[in-house]
Amino acid sequence: MPSDAAKTIEERIRAVEDRLAIYNLIASHPLARSDAAAANV
């Protein structure tokens, strides 16, 4: 496997790992609630 192809694979894997970390961060926090929406309930 050429080094250019290996670098491309490593970059793609890093991008997927970064996206997964972002998704996990978002999922670990509760949903935000708008104060205006709460006042109307």
PDB file of N, CA and C in Angstrom:
ATOM      1  N   MET A   1       0.854  -1.177   0.000  1.00  0.00           N
ATOM      2  CA  MET A   1       0.000   0.000   0.000  1.00  0.00           C
ATOM      3  C   MET A   1       0.897   1.237   0.000  1.00  0.00           C
ATOM      4  N   PRO A   2       0.725   2.117  -0.934  1.00  0.00           N
ATOM      5  CA  PRO A   2       1.539   3.330  -0.975  1.00  0.00           C
ATOM      6  C   PRO A   2       1.284   4.218   0.233  1.00  0.00           C
ATOM      7  N   SER A   3       2.284   5.023   0.581  1.00  0.00           N
ATOM      8  CA  SER A   3       2.149   5.878   1.758  1.00  0.00           C
ATOM      9  C   SER A   3       1.045   6.917   1.576  1.00  0.00           C
ATOM     10  N   ASP A   4       0.822   7.393   0.340  1.00  0.00           N
ATOM     11  CA  ASP A   4      -0.249   8.357   0.099  1.00  0.00           C
ATOM     12  C   ASP A   4      -1.611   7.746   0.398  1.00  0.00           C
ATOM     13  N   ALA A   5      -1.796   6.497  -0.008  1.00  0.00           N
ATOM     14  CA  ALA A   5      -3.069   5.820   0.258  1.00  0.00           C
ATOM     15  C   ALA A   5      -3.236   5.582   1.759  1.00  0.00           C
ATOM     16  N   ALA A   6      -2.161   5.212   2.427  1.00  0.00           N
ATOM     17  CA  ALA A   6      -2.229   4.981   3.872  1.00  0.00           C
ATOM     18  C   ALA A   6      -2.552   6.283   4.592  1.00  0.00           C
ATOM     19  N   LYS A   7      -1.963   7.373   4.142  1.00  0.00           N
ATOM     20  CA  LYS A   7      -2.247   8.670   4.766  1.00  0.00           C
ATOM     21  C   LYS A   7      -3.709   9.039   4.569  1.00  0.00           C
ATOM     22  N   THR A   8      -4.236   8.783   3.406  1.00  0.00           N
ATOM     23  CA  THR A   8      -5.635   9.077   3.137  1.00  0.00           C
ATOM     24  C   THR A   8      -6.539   8.257   4.055  1.00  0.00           C
ATOM     25  N   ILE A   9      -6.222   7.000   4.245  1.00  0.00           N
ATOM     26  CA  ILE A   9      -7.016   6.147   5.122  1.00  0.00           C
ATOM     27  C   ILE A   9      -6.933   6.655   6.560  1.00  0.00           C
ATOM     28  N   GLU A  10      -5.730   7.032   6.994  1.00  0.00           N
ATOM     29  CA  GLU A  10      -5.576   7.552   8.354  1.00  0.00           C
ATOM     30  C   GLU A  10      -6.366   8.839   8.540  1.00  0.00           C
ATOM     31  N   GLU A  11      -6.363   9.711   7.551  1.00  0.00           N
ATOM     32  CA  GLU A  11      -7.128  10.955   7.634  1.00  0.00           C
ATOM     33  C   GLU A  11      -8.619  10.670   7.690  1.00  0.00           C
ATOM     34  N   ARG A  12      -9.069   9.706   6.886  1.00  0.00           N
ATOM     35  CA  ARG A  12     -10.497   9.361   6.882  1.00  0.00           C
ATOM     36  C   ARG A  12     -10.910   8.764   8.217  1.00  0.00           C
ATOM     37  N   ILE A  13     -10.082   7.893   8.777  1.00  0.00           N
ATOM     38  CA  ILE A  13     -10.396   7.292  10.079  1.00  0.00           C
ATOM     39  C   ILE A  13     -10.423   8.372  11.153  1.00  0.00           C
ATOM     40  N   ARG A  14      -9.471   9.302  11.101  1.00  0.00           N
ATOM     41  CA  ARG A  14      -9.441  10.388  12.081  1.00  0.00           C
ATOM     42  C   ARG A  14     -10.705  11.239  11.977  1.00  0.00           C
ATOM     43  N   ALA A  15     -11.152  11.508  10.755  1.00  0.00           N
ATOM     44  CA  ALA A  15     -12.365  12.300  10.563  1.00  0.00           C
ATOM     45  C   ALA A  15     -13.584  11.572  11.133  1.00  0.00           C
ATOM     46  N   VAL A  16     -13.667  10.271  10.928  1.00  0.00           N
ATOM     47  CA  VAL A  16     -14.781   9.484  11.468  1.00  0.00           C
ATOM     48  C   VAL A  16     -14.730   9.478  12.993  1.00  0.00           C
ATOM     49  N   GLU A  17     -13.533   9.314  13.556  1.00  0.00           N
ATOM     50  CA  GLU A  17     -13.405   9.330  15.009  1.00  0.00           C
ATOM     51  C   GLU A  17     -13.796  10.688  15.581  1.00  0.00           C
ATOM     52  N   ASP A  18     -13.399  11.762  14.896  1.00  0.00           N
ATOM     53  CA  ASP A  18     -13.772  13.105  15.362  1.00  0.00           C
ATOM     54  C   ASP A  18     -15.278  13.291  15.326  1.00  0.00           C
ATOM     55  N   ARG A  19     -15.909  12.848  14.255  1.00  0.00           N
ATOM     56  CA  ARG A  19     -17.361  12.981  14.137  1.00  0.00           C
ATOM     57  C   ARG A  19     -18.064  12.173  15.218  1.00  0.00           C
ATOM     58  N   LEU A  20     -17.572  10.966  15.483  1.00  0.00           N
ATOM     59  CA  LEU A  20     -18.159  10.129  16.529  1.00  0.00           C
ATOM     60  C   LEU A  20     -18.012  10.793  17.899  1.00  0.00           C
ATOM     61  N   ALA A  21     -16.871  11.404  18.154  1.00  0.00           N
ATOM     62  CA  ALA A  21     -16.665  12.096  19.429  1.00  0.00           C
ATOM     63  C   ALA A  21     -17.639  13.258  19.580  1.00  0.00           C
ATOM     64  N   ILE A  22     -17.885  13.980  18.491  1.00  0.00           N
ATOM     65  CA  ILE A  22     -18.840  15.085  18.530  1.00  0.00           C
ATOM     66  C   ILE A  22     -20.249  14.568  18.804  1.00  0.00           C
ATOM     67  N   TYR A  23     -20.635  13.490  18.119  1.00  0.00           N
ATOM     68  CA  TYR A  23     -21.962  12.905  18.341  1.00  0.00           C
ATOM     69  C   TYR A  23     -22.114  12.451  19.791  1.00  0.00           C
ATOM     70  N   ASN A  24     -21.085  11.820  20.340  1.00  0.00           N
ATOM     71  CA  ASN A  24     -21.145  11.362  21.729  1.00  0.00           C
ATOM     72  C   ASN A  24     -21.239  12.538  22.691  1.00  0.00           C
ATOM     73  N   LEU A  25     -20.534  13.617  22.405  1.00  0.00           N
ATOM     74  CA  LEU A  25     -20.601  14.808  23.247  1.00  0.00           C
ATOM     75  C   LEU A  25     -22.002  15.403  23.232  1.00  0.00           C
ATOM     76  N   ILE A  26     -22.593  15.498  22.046  1.00  0.00           N
ATOM     77  CA  ILE A  26     -23.951  16.037  21.932  1.00  0.00           C
ATOM     78  C   ILE A  26     -24.947  15.131  22.653  1.00  0.00           C
ATOM     79  N   ALA A  27     -24.797  13.839  22.494  1.00  0.00           N
ATOM     80  CA  ALA A  27     -25.732  12.893  23.100  1.00  0.00           C
ATOM     81  C   ALA A  27     -25.614  12.853  24.623  1.00  0.00           C
ATOM     82  N   SER A  28     -24.464  13.231  25.157  1.00  0.00           N
ATOM     83  CA  SER A  28     -24.269  13.144  26.604  1.00  0.00           C
ATOM     84  C   SER A  28     -24.868  14.331  27.356  1.00  0.00           C
ATOM     85  N   HIS A  29     -25.285  15.361  26.638  1.00  0.00           N
ATOM     86  CA  HIS A  29     -25.872  16.533  27.287  1.00  0.00           C
ATOM     87  C   HIS A  29     -27.378  16.523  27.119  1.00  0.00           C
ATOM     88  N   PRO A  30     -28.112  16.958  28.146  1.00  0.00           N
ATOM     89  CA  PRO A  30     -29.571  17.015  28.019  1.00  0.00           C
ATOM     90  C   PRO A  30     -29.979  18.084  27.007  1.00  0.00           C
ATOM     91  N   LEU A  31     -31.152  17.921  26.474  1.00  0.00           N
ATOM     92  CA  LEU A  31     -31.655  18.895  25.510  1.00  0.00           C
ATOM     93  C   LEU A  31     -31.869  20.236  26.185  1.00  0.00           C
ATOM     94  N   ALA A  32     -31.551  21.294  25.473  1.00  0.00           N
ATOM     95  CA  ALA A  32     -31.758  22.642  26.006  1.00  0.00           C
ATOM     96  C   ALA A  32     -33.232  22.984  25.888  1.00  0.00           C
ATOM     97  N   ARG A  33     -33.706  23.773  26.823  1.00  0.00           N
ATOM     98  CA  ARG A  33     -35.106  24.183  26.801  1.00  0.00           C
ATOM     99  C   ARG A  33     -35.165  25.696  26.662  1.00  0.00           C
ATOM    100  N   SER A  34     -35.982  26.151  25.753  1.00  0.00           N
ATOM    101  CA  SER A  34     -36.134  27.586  25.539  1.00  0.00           C
ATOM    102  C   SER A  34     -37.001  28.147  26.653  1.00  0.00           C
ATOM    103  N   ASP A  35     -36.583  29.291  27.210  1.00  0.00           N
ATOM    104  CA  ASP A  35     -37.378  29.925  28.267  1.00  0.00           C
ATOM    105  C   ASP A  35     -38.728  30.391  27.736  1.00  0.00           C
ATOM    106  N   ALA A  36     -38.769  30.855  26.500  1.00  0.00           N
ATOM    107  CA  ALA A  36     -40.025  31.306  25.899  1.00  0.00           C
ATOM    108  C   ALA A  36     -40.989  30.129  25.746  1.00  0.00           C
ATOM    109  N   ALA A  37     -40.487  28.988  25.354  1.00  0.00           N
ATOM    110  CA  ALA A  37     -41.347  27.811  25.197  1.00  0.00           C
ATOM    111  C   ALA A  37     -41.876  27.346  26.552  1.00  0.00           C
ATOM    112  N   ALA A  38     -41.066  27.456  27.588  1.00  0.00           N
ATOM    113  CA  ALA A  38     -41.497  27.033  28.921  1.00  0.00           C
ATOM    114  C   ALA A  38     -42.577  27.967  29.457  1.00  0.00           C
ATOM    115  N   ALA A  39     -42.513  29.229  29.112  1.00  0.00           N
ATOM    116  CA  ALA A  39     -43.505  30.200  29.589  1.00  0.00           C
ATOM    117  C   ALA A  39     -44.875  29.962  28.958  1.00  0.00           C
ATOM    118  N   ASN A  40     -44.889  29.367  27.770  1.00  0.00           N
ATOM    119  CA  ASN A  40     -46.144  29.126  27.067  1.00  0.00           C
ATOM    120  C   ASN A  40     -46.819  27.821  27.467  1.00  0.00           C
ATOM    121  N   VAL A  41     -46.169  27.026  28.291  1.00  0.00           N
ATOM    122  CA  VAL A  41     -46.743  25.720  28.668  1.00  0.00           C
ATOM    123  C   VAL A  41     -47.695  25.862  29.803  1.00  0.00           C
TER     124      VAL A  41
END
